[in-house]
Every structure is written in structure tokens, then in C-alpha cells.
């Protein structure tokens, strides 16, 4: 997980490797809502709105209640705003 975060947010990000690592993390930790948020963000960056929404909805299943409103808000933005105008959802566990 942390290596994938480094590859995502370092000075010279490697999004392909980072996404691949996050996909491995979700296989090992299927209830990781933060990993699902990151996968939603990768889909959003590709402007793949259906996949982004799917990952964000999936994150809702295991997200603690204090983080759910941010996820719901992100899903709502994607239904009313062009994907290029929607920033990635911040990982609440990383802040």
C-alpha cells in the first residue's frame, strides 16, 4: 500500500505501477476503502467515469461514517460535472 502511495505522489509519479500495486492490495485487503478511493482516482484521471463511480461506491461499503459524506459528494460531482473538472478524492486516512 505505502509503495503504491509513493509511486502515486512522489515528484516523478509512476501511475501505471502505482495502480497495478493498488490492484494487488485490493486482492489482499478487499475491505480497504482507501485503496478503492485510490483506484477510483486513477479511473477519474483516465476520465473513466463509470469505473471511478464504481470504485467510489465500493469504498462506501467499508468507509467509516465520518468519511462517507465526502465519498457521496464525489459521486454526486461526477454525475453533474465533466470528469476533467473534478479533482481526485483525497484519501482521508492519509491526511
N, C-alpha and C. Protein backbone atom coordinates (compact mmCIF):
# COMPACT_ATOMS: atom_id res chain seq x y z
N UNK A 1 0.83 -1.20 0.00
CA UNK A 1 0.00 0.00 0.00
C UNK A 1 0.86 1.25 0.00
N UNK A 2 1.84 1.30 0.90
CA UNK A 2 2.64 2.52 1.02
C UNK A 2 3.52 2.72 -0.20
N UNK A 3 4.01 1.65 -0.80
CA UNK A 3 4.81 1.79 -2.03
C UNK A 3 3.93 2.34 -3.15
N UNK A 4 2.71 1.88 -3.24
CA UNK A 4 1.79 2.40 -4.25
C UNK A 4 1.53 3.89 -4.01
N UNK A 5 1.39 4.29 -2.75
CA UNK A 5 1.20 5.72 -2.43
C UNK A 5 2.42 6.53 -2.87
N UNK A 6 3.61 6.00 -2.61
CA UNK A 6 4.82 6.71 -3.03
C UNK A 6 4.86 6.88 -4.55
N UNK A 7 4.53 5.82 -5.26
CA UNK A 7 4.54 5.90 -6.72
C UNK A 7 3.47 6.85 -7.25
N UNK A 8 2.44 7.10 -6.48
CA UNK A 8 1.37 8.00 -6.89
C UNK A 8 1.73 9.45 -6.63
N UNK A 9 2.34 9.73 -5.50
CA UNK A 9 2.50 11.11 -5.06
C UNK A 9 3.94 11.62 -5.02
N UNK A 10 4.92 10.83 -5.46
CA UNK A 10 6.30 11.30 -5.46
C UNK A 10 6.51 12.35 -6.54
N UNK A 11 7.69 12.95 -6.57
CA UNK A 11 8.00 14.00 -7.55
C UNK A 11 7.85 13.53 -8.98
N UNK A 12 8.26 12.31 -9.27
CA UNK A 12 8.10 11.72 -10.59
C UNK A 12 7.18 10.51 -10.47
N UNK A 13 5.88 10.75 -10.45
CA UNK A 13 4.95 9.63 -10.23
C UNK A 13 5.01 8.59 -11.35
N UNK A 14 4.67 7.38 -10.98
CA UNK A 14 4.57 6.29 -11.95
C UNK A 14 3.17 5.70 -11.79
N UNK A 15 2.18 6.33 -12.42
CA UNK A 15 0.80 5.92 -12.20
C UNK A 15 0.49 4.49 -12.65
N UNK A 16 1.17 4.01 -13.66
CA UNK A 16 0.90 2.64 -14.13
C UNK A 16 1.31 1.63 -13.06
N UNK A 17 2.51 1.77 -12.52
CA UNK A 17 2.96 0.86 -11.47
C UNK A 17 2.13 1.03 -10.21
N UNK A 18 1.81 2.29 -9.88
CA UNK A 18 1.03 2.55 -8.67
C UNK A 18 -0.34 1.89 -8.74
N UNK A 19 -1.02 2.06 -9.87
CA UNK A 19 -2.34 1.45 -10.00
C UNK A 19 -2.25 -0.07 -9.93
N UNK A 20 -1.23 -0.63 -10.55
CA UNK A 20 -1.06 -2.09 -10.50
C UNK A 20 -0.87 -2.57 -9.06
N UNK A 21 -0.09 -1.82 -8.29
CA UNK A 21 0.12 -2.19 -6.89
C UNK A 21 -1.17 -2.06 -6.09
N UNK A 22 -1.93 -0.99 -6.33
CA UNK A 22 -3.20 -0.83 -5.62
C UNK A 22 -4.16 -1.97 -5.96
N UNK A 23 -4.12 -2.44 -7.19
CA UNK A 23 -4.98 -3.58 -7.57
C UNK A 23 -4.55 -4.85 -6.83
N UNK A 24 -3.27 -5.01 -6.59
CA UNK A 24 -2.79 -6.15 -5.80
C UNK A 24 -3.21 -6.00 -4.34
N UNK A 25 -3.14 -4.77 -3.84
CA UNK A 25 -3.54 -4.52 -2.44
C UNK A 25 -5.00 -4.88 -2.25
N UNK A 26 -5.86 -4.51 -3.19
CA UNK A 26 -7.30 -4.78 -3.02
C UNK A 26 -7.58 -6.28 -3.05
N UNK A 27 -6.73 -7.05 -3.73
CA UNK A 27 -6.89 -8.51 -3.70
C UNK A 27 -6.56 -9.07 -2.32
N UNK A 28 -5.55 -8.47 -1.69
CA UNK A 28 -5.11 -8.94 -0.38
C UNK A 28 -5.98 -8.38 0.75
N UNK A 29 -6.38 -7.13 0.59
CA UNK A 29 -7.20 -6.44 1.60
C UNK A 29 -8.47 -5.92 0.93
N UNK A 30 -9.42 -6.82 0.66
CA UNK A 30 -10.60 -6.42 -0.10
C UNK A 30 -11.50 -5.39 0.58
N UNK A 31 -11.30 -5.15 1.86
CA UNK A 31 -12.14 -4.18 2.56
C UNK A 31 -11.46 -2.84 2.76
N UNK A 32 -10.36 -2.60 2.05
CA UNK A 32 -9.63 -1.35 2.17
C UNK A 32 -10.34 -0.24 1.40
N UNK A 33 -11.10 0.57 2.10
CA UNK A 33 -11.83 1.64 1.42
C UNK A 33 -10.87 2.68 0.84
N UNK A 34 -9.72 2.88 1.48
CA UNK A 34 -8.77 3.87 0.97
C UNK A 34 -8.15 3.41 -0.36
N UNK A 35 -7.92 2.12 -0.49
CA UNK A 35 -7.40 1.60 -1.75
C UNK A 35 -8.44 1.76 -2.85
N UNK A 36 -9.69 1.54 -2.52
CA UNK A 36 -10.75 1.71 -3.52
C UNK A 36 -10.88 3.18 -3.93
N UNK A 37 -10.67 4.09 -2.99
CA UNK A 37 -10.66 5.52 -3.34
C UNK A 37 -9.53 5.80 -4.33
N UNK A 38 -8.35 5.28 -4.04
CA UNK A 38 -7.22 5.50 -4.94
C UNK A 38 -7.50 4.92 -6.33
N UNK A 39 -8.09 3.74 -6.40
CA UNK A 39 -8.43 3.16 -7.70
C UNK A 39 -9.48 3.99 -8.42
N UNK A 40 -10.42 4.55 -7.66
CA UNK A 40 -11.38 5.48 -8.26
C UNK A 40 -10.70 6.72 -8.81
N UNK A 41 -9.71 7.20 -8.09
CA UNK A 41 -8.96 8.37 -8.55
C UNK A 41 -8.20 8.08 -9.85
N UNK A 42 -7.62 6.88 -9.95
CA UNK A 42 -6.93 6.53 -11.19
C UNK A 42 -7.92 6.48 -12.36
N UNK A 43 -9.09 5.90 -12.12
CA UNK A 43 -10.11 5.87 -13.17
C UNK A 43 -10.53 7.29 -13.54
N UNK A 44 -10.68 8.13 -12.55
CA UNK A 44 -11.07 9.53 -12.80
C UNK A 44 -10.01 10.23 -13.65
N UNK A 45 -8.75 10.01 -13.34
CA UNK A 45 -7.67 10.64 -14.12
C UNK A 45 -7.70 10.20 -15.57
N UNK A 46 -8.19 8.98 -15.82
CA UNK A 46 -8.34 8.49 -17.20
C UNK A 46 -9.67 8.94 -17.80
N UNK A 47 -10.46 9.66 -17.01
CA UNK A 47 -11.81 10.11 -17.37
C UNK A 47 -12.74 8.94 -17.65
N UNK A 48 -12.52 7.85 -16.94
CA UNK A 48 -13.38 6.68 -16.99
C UNK A 48 -14.37 6.81 -15.84
N UNK A 49 -15.40 7.63 -16.06
CA UNK A 49 -16.35 7.97 -15.00
C UNK A 49 -17.08 6.74 -14.47
N UNK A 50 -17.59 5.83 -15.31
CA UNK A 50 -18.28 4.66 -14.74
C UNK A 50 -17.39 3.86 -13.78
N UNK A 51 -16.13 3.67 -14.12
CA UNK A 51 -15.23 2.93 -13.22
C UNK A 51 -14.95 3.72 -11.96
N UNK A 52 -14.74 5.02 -12.11
CA UNK A 52 -14.48 5.87 -10.92
C UNK A 52 -15.66 5.79 -9.96
N UNK A 53 -16.86 5.94 -10.48
CA UNK A 53 -18.06 5.89 -9.63
C UNK A 53 -18.19 4.52 -8.99
N UNK A 54 -17.90 3.48 -9.75
CA UNK A 54 -17.98 2.12 -9.20
C UNK A 54 -17.00 1.94 -8.04
N UNK A 55 -15.76 2.41 -8.20
CA UNK A 55 -14.78 2.29 -7.12
C UNK A 55 -15.18 3.12 -5.91
N UNK A 56 -15.67 4.34 -6.15
CA UNK A 56 -16.09 5.19 -5.03
C UNK A 56 -17.29 4.58 -4.30
N UNK A 57 -18.24 4.04 -5.05
CA UNK A 57 -19.40 3.37 -4.40
C UNK A 57 -18.93 2.17 -3.58
N UNK A 58 -17.99 1.45 -4.12
CA UNK A 58 -17.43 0.31 -3.42
C UNK A 58 -16.74 0.76 -2.13
N UNK A 59 -16.07 1.90 -2.17
CA UNK A 59 -15.40 2.42 -0.97
C UNK A 59 -16.41 2.74 0.13
N UNK A 60 -17.61 3.14 -0.26
CA UNK A 60 -18.66 3.46 0.72
C UNK A 60 -19.00 2.26 1.60
N UNK A 61 -18.88 1.07 1.06
CA UNK A 61 -19.27 -0.13 1.80
C UNK A 61 -18.51 -0.30 3.11
N UNK A 62 -17.23 0.08 3.10
CA UNK A 62 -16.39 -0.13 4.29
C UNK A 62 -15.86 1.16 4.90
N UNK A 63 -16.22 2.29 4.33
CA UNK A 63 -15.72 3.56 4.86
C UNK A 63 -16.36 3.87 6.21
N UNK A 64 -15.56 4.35 7.16
CA UNK A 64 -16.13 4.80 8.43
C UNK A 64 -17.11 5.96 8.17
N UNK A 65 -18.08 6.09 9.02
CA UNK A 65 -19.15 7.06 8.80
C UNK A 65 -18.64 8.48 8.61
N UNK A 66 -17.55 8.86 9.28
CA UNK A 66 -17.07 10.23 9.16
C UNK A 66 -16.50 10.55 7.78
N UNK A 67 -16.25 9.53 6.94
CA UNK A 67 -15.71 9.77 5.61
C UNK A 67 -16.73 9.59 4.50
N UNK A 68 -17.88 9.05 4.83
CA UNK A 68 -18.87 8.72 3.79
C UNK A 68 -19.40 9.94 3.05
N UNK A 69 -19.60 11.04 3.75
CA UNK A 69 -20.18 12.22 3.08
C UNK A 69 -19.26 12.74 1.98
N UNK A 70 -17.94 12.66 2.19
CA UNK A 70 -17.00 13.10 1.14
C UNK A 70 -17.08 12.20 -0.09
N UNK A 71 -17.24 10.92 0.14
CA UNK A 71 -17.34 9.98 -0.98
C UNK A 71 -18.65 10.20 -1.74
N UNK A 72 -19.72 10.36 -1.00
CA UNK A 72 -21.03 10.61 -1.63
C UNK A 72 -20.98 11.90 -2.45
N UNK A 73 -20.34 12.91 -1.91
CA UNK A 73 -20.21 14.19 -2.61
C UNK A 73 -19.42 14.02 -3.91
N UNK A 74 -18.37 13.22 -3.87
CA UNK A 74 -17.56 12.98 -5.07
C UNK A 74 -18.39 12.28 -6.14
N UNK A 75 -19.18 11.30 -5.74
CA UNK A 75 -20.04 10.59 -6.69
C UNK A 75 -21.05 11.56 -7.30
N UNK A 76 -21.61 12.44 -6.48
CA UNK A 76 -22.58 13.43 -6.98
C UNK A 76 -21.91 14.39 -7.97
N UNK A 77 -20.70 14.83 -7.68
CA UNK A 77 -19.99 15.72 -8.60
C UNK A 77 -19.83 15.07 -9.96
N UNK A 78 -19.51 13.78 -9.96
CA UNK A 78 -19.29 13.10 -11.23
C UNK A 78 -20.56 12.92 -12.05
N UNK A 79 -21.70 13.06 -11.40
CA UNK A 79 -22.95 12.95 -12.16
C UNK A 79 -23.39 14.30 -12.73
N UNK A 80 -22.75 15.39 -12.29
CA UNK A 80 -23.18 16.72 -12.75
C UNK A 80 -22.06 17.56 -13.36
N UNK A 81 -20.82 17.11 -13.25
CA UNK A 81 -19.67 17.91 -13.67
C UNK A 81 -18.79 17.09 -14.60
N UNK A 82 -18.23 17.70 -15.64
CA UNK A 82 -17.31 16.95 -16.50
C UNK A 82 -16.14 16.40 -15.68
N UNK A 83 -15.75 15.18 -15.97
CA UNK A 83 -14.71 14.49 -15.20
C UNK A 83 -13.42 15.31 -15.12
N UNK A 84 -13.07 16.01 -16.20
CA UNK A 84 -11.83 16.78 -16.21
C UNK A 84 -11.85 17.91 -15.18
N UNK A 85 -13.04 18.31 -14.74
CA UNK A 85 -13.17 19.39 -13.77
C UNK A 85 -13.28 18.91 -12.33
N UNK A 86 -13.32 17.61 -12.13
CA UNK A 86 -13.48 17.05 -10.79
C UNK A 86 -12.10 16.61 -10.27
N UNK A 87 -11.66 17.19 -9.16
CA UNK A 87 -10.36 16.75 -8.62
C UNK A 87 -10.47 15.38 -7.98
N UNK A 88 -9.35 14.67 -7.87
CA UNK A 88 -9.37 13.36 -7.20
C UNK A 88 -9.83 13.52 -5.75
N UNK A 89 -10.41 12.48 -5.25
CA UNK A 89 -10.86 12.46 -3.85
C UNK A 89 -9.66 12.23 -2.96
N UNK A 90 -9.52 13.05 -1.94
CA UNK A 90 -8.39 12.88 -1.01
C UNK A 90 -8.61 11.64 -0.16
N UNK A 91 -7.53 10.93 0.05
CA UNK A 91 -7.54 9.75 0.91
C UNK A 91 -7.62 10.22 2.35
N UNK A 92 -8.74 10.01 3.03
CA UNK A 92 -8.89 10.52 4.39
C UNK A 92 -7.92 9.88 5.37
N UNK A 93 -7.47 8.70 5.09
CA UNK A 93 -6.53 8.04 6.01
C UNK A 93 -5.12 8.60 5.87
N UNK A 94 -4.88 9.27 4.76
CA UNK A 94 -3.56 9.81 4.52
C UNK A 94 -3.40 11.25 4.93
N UNK A 95 -4.46 11.82 5.46
CA UNK A 95 -4.41 13.24 5.85
C UNK A 95 -4.34 13.41 7.33
